[in-house]
Amino acid sequence: MTNQIIGNFNGNIQNDDEERQKIKEDIKNETSKAHKNKHSFDRQNLFLEQIRKIDFFREIAIKTTLTNLVTQIEPKLAPLIIVLPFNNPDIKKLYNNDKRIDLIQTEQTQNYIVDHNGKEDLKLAVAGSQIVMDRIRYLDDVSYLHSTFDFSPVIRLPIQGKSIYT
């Protein structure tokens, strides 16, 4: 995270293989934990902790006069960018209630897990997941771009659809 704040977007270039392996292992453990607790808010709580750290850097920079506010209306903290992916359930009407649309209308649990329940063909589910991943990657890229303007923290909430109405 510190590398991102200071503009070192490639991370620590001197990462050795042992450190990379540790990072992969941490990601694997977090994913495993998320699958066990699909409806918990563990991942979002991790994001909130990172947001607090980003705000801490900004507060210290202002207190120690490393940076100064240009105007009195300028906010002290960088704005939080919230991304709310949404699948419009009315899209099915556009495609005459085609069942294949359900594959790209997937929703995520509170812990960012997609549960297909094994109801659809595996090849179709993989293709639908790839389309959803591309959409999410686009939203992540746009939010990351906006966050670099003012070192703003970003939180992307899970994809929702018709369940948001209930």
Protein backbone atom coordinates (compact mmCIF):
# COMPACT_ATOMS: atom_id res chain seq x y z
CA MET A 1 0.00 0.00 0.00
CA THR A 2 2.80 2.41 0.81
CA ASN A 3 4.29 1.83 -2.64
CA GLN A 4 1.00 2.90 -4.20
CA ILE A 5 0.82 6.09 -2.12
CA ILE A 6 4.32 7.18 -3.08
CA GLY A 7 3.77 6.35 -6.75
CA ASN A 8 5.88 3.18 -6.93
CA PHE A 9 3.21 1.31 -8.89
CA ASN A 10 5.44 -1.70 -9.62
CA GLY A 11 5.77 -2.38 -5.91
CA ASN A 12 9.06 -3.28 -4.37
CA ILE A 13 11.13 -4.31 -7.37
CA GLN A 14 13.55 -6.18 -5.13
CA ASN A 15 10.93 -8.71 -4.02
CA ASP A 16 12.59 -12.09 -3.82
CA ASP A 17 10.94 -15.39 -4.66
CA GLU A 18 10.39 -16.19 -0.99
CA GLU A 19 8.43 -12.97 -0.46
CA ARG A 20 6.37 -13.53 -3.61
CA GLN A 21 5.57 -17.05 -2.45
CA LYS A 22 4.45 -15.66 0.92
CA ILE A 23 2.14 -13.18 -0.82
CA LYS A 24 0.61 -15.97 -2.94
CA GLU A 25 0.12 -18.06 0.18
CA ASP A 26 -1.58 -15.15 1.97
CA ILE A 27 -3.94 -14.65 -0.97
CA LYS A 28 -4.73 -18.36 -1.03
CA ASN A 29 -5.48 -18.34 2.71
CA GLU A 30 -7.72 -15.26 2.44
CA THR A 31 -9.64 -16.82 -0.47
CA SER A 32 -10.08 -20.07 1.42
CA LYS A 33 -11.32 -18.18 4.48
CA ALA A 34 -13.76 -16.19 2.33
CA HIS A 35 -15.24 -19.35 0.82
CA LYS A 36 -15.83 -20.76 4.31
CA ASN A 37 -17.63 -17.59 5.45
CA LYS A 38 -19.49 -16.47 2.32
CA HIS A 39 -21.81 -14.08 4.12
CA SER A 40 -19.33 -12.38 6.44
CA PHE A 41 -17.88 -8.92 5.97
CA ASP A 42 -14.25 -9.99 6.54
CA ARG A 43 -12.91 -8.71 3.22
CA GLN A 44 -14.70 -5.39 3.50
CA ASN A 45 -13.28 -4.95 6.99
CA LEU A 46 -9.79 -5.46 5.53
CA PHE A 47 -10.50 -2.68 3.05
CA LEU A 48 -11.70 -0.38 5.80
CA GLU A 49 -8.48 -0.93 7.73
CA GLN A 50 -6.47 0.00 4.64
CA ILE A 51 -8.60 3.12 4.18
CA ARG A 52 -7.82 4.17 7.77
CA LYS A 53 -4.11 3.79 7.01
CA ILE A 54 -4.38 5.95 3.87
CA ASP A 55 -6.21 8.63 5.86
CA PHE A 56 -3.54 8.41 8.56
CA PHE A 57 -0.81 9.28 6.02
CA ARG A 58 -2.80 12.29 4.84
CA GLU A 59 -3.46 13.51 8.40
CA ILE A 60 0.24 13.24 9.32
CA ALA A 61 1.27 15.11 6.17
CA ILE A 62 -1.07 17.99 7.04
CA LYS A 63 -0.13 18.08 10.75
CA THR A 64 3.60 18.16 9.98
CA THR A 65 3.01 20.70 7.17
CA LEU A 66 4.45 18.42 4.51
CA THR A 67 1.38 19.48 2.54
CA ASN A 68 -0.84 22.49 2.96
CA LEU A 69 -4.45 22.98 2.06
CA VAL A 70 -4.68 25.29 -0.94
CA THR A 71 -8.09 26.68 -0.02
CA GLN A 72 -10.26 26.62 3.06
CA ILE A 73 -12.89 24.51 1.29
CA GLU A 74 -10.44 21.78 0.31
CA PRO A 75 -11.14 18.59 2.29
CA LYS A 76 -8.45 17.42 4.67
CA LEU A 77 -8.84 13.78 3.73
CA ALA A 78 -8.97 12.37 0.23
CA PRO A 79 -12.49 11.48 -0.91
CA LEU A 80 -13.51 7.86 -0.61
CA ILE A 81 -14.37 6.34 -3.98
CA ILE A 82 -17.15 3.79 -3.68
CA VAL A 83 -17.86 1.48 -6.63
CA LEU A 84 -21.28 -0.17 -6.64
CA PRO A 85 -21.52 -2.76 -9.45
CA PHE A 86 -25.12 -3.49 -10.34
CA ASN A 87 -26.74 -5.99 -12.71
CA ASN A 88 -29.99 -4.60 -14.03
CA PRO A 89 -32.52 -7.45 -13.86
CA ASP A 90 -34.58 -5.83 -16.62
CA ILE A 91 -31.90 -6.79 -19.16
CA LYS A 92 -33.56 -10.22 -19.41
CA LYS A 93 -36.56 -8.59 -21.07
CA LEU A 94 -34.28 -7.18 -23.75
CA TYR A 95 -33.12 -10.72 -24.57
CA ASN A 96 -36.59 -12.28 -24.34
CA ASN A 97 -35.88 -14.03 -21.00
CA ASP A 98 -32.98 -16.05 -22.43
CA LYS A 99 -31.61 -18.26 -19.62
CA ARG A 100 -28.01 -17.63 -20.74
CA ILE A 101 -28.34 -14.04 -19.50
CA ASP A 102 -28.45 -15.44 -15.95
CA LEU A 103 -24.78 -16.40 -16.34
CA ILE A 104 -23.70 -12.78 -16.60
CA GLN A 105 -26.27 -11.57 -14.08
CA THR A 106 -24.43 -13.26 -11.22
CA GLU A 107 -24.32 -11.68 -7.80
CA GLN A 108 -21.70 -11.84 -5.09
CA THR A 109 -22.15 -12.48 -1.41
CA GLN A 110 -21.02 -9.94 1.18
CA ASN A 111 -17.59 -11.62 1.08
CA TYR A 112 -17.24 -11.29 -2.73
CA ILE A 113 -18.01 -14.94 -3.48
CA VAL A 114 -20.03 -16.04 -6.53
CA ASP A 115 -22.03 -19.17 -5.82
CA HIS A 116 -23.26 -20.92 -8.97
CA ASN A 117 -24.70 -23.89 -7.03
CA GLY A 118 -23.71 -26.20 -9.92
CA LYS A 119 -27.01 -25.65 -11.73
CA GLU A 120 -25.60 -24.62 -15.11
CA ASP A 121 -23.23 -26.19 -17.58
CA LEU A 122 -19.61 -25.76 -16.47
CA LYS A 123 -18.48 -24.32 -19.84
CA LEU A 124 -21.27 -21.74 -19.82
CA ALA A 125 -20.55 -20.85 -16.19
CA VAL A 126 -16.86 -20.29 -16.96
CA ALA A 127 -17.73 -18.13 -19.99
CA GLY A 128 -20.19 -16.09 -17.93
CA SER A 129 -17.65 -15.68 -15.14
CA GLN A 130 -15.08 -14.41 -17.66
CA ILE A 131 -17.49 -11.73 -18.87
CA VAL A 132 -18.25 -10.69 -15.30
CA MET A 133 -14.51 -10.59 -14.49
CA ASP A 134 -13.92 -8.29 -17.47
CA ARG A 135 -16.66 -5.94 -16.28
CA ILE A 136 -15.22 -5.88 -12.77
CA ARG A 137 -11.70 -5.34 -14.08
CA TYR A 138 -12.96 -2.35 -16.06
CA LEU A 139 -14.61 -0.85 -12.96
CA ASP A 140 -11.48 -1.50 -10.92
CA ASP A 141 -9.29 0.19 -13.55
CA VAL A 142 -11.51 3.27 -13.73
CA SER A 143 -11.72 3.57 -9.94
CA TYR A 144 -7.96 3.11 -9.64
CA LEU A 145 -7.43 5.90 -12.17
CA HIS A 146 -9.69 8.25 -10.19
CA SER A 147 -7.98 7.31 -6.95
CA THR A 148 -4.56 8.33 -8.28
CA PHE A 149 -5.68 11.95 -8.73
CA ASP A 150 -5.76 12.55 -4.99
CA PHE A 151 -4.49 9.32 -3.41
CA SER A 152 -8.09 8.44 -2.64
CA PRO A 153 -9.03 5.11 -1.10
CA VAL A 154 -11.34 2.89 -3.14
CA ILE A 155 -13.79 0.26 -2.02
CA ARG A 156 -15.67 -1.85 -4.54
CA LEU A 157 -18.72 -3.44 -3.06
CA PRO A 158 -19.97 -6.87 -4.22
CA ILE A 159 -21.97 -7.14 -7.44
CA GLN A 160 -25.69 -6.94 -6.76
CA GLY A 161 -28.72 -7.43 -8.93
CA LYS A 162 -32.37 -8.11 -8.28
CA SER A 163 -31.65 -9.10 -4.66
CA ILE A 164 -30.98 -5.44 -3.89
CA TYR A 165 -34.73 -4.85 -4.23
CA THR A 166 -35.58 -7.32 -1.46
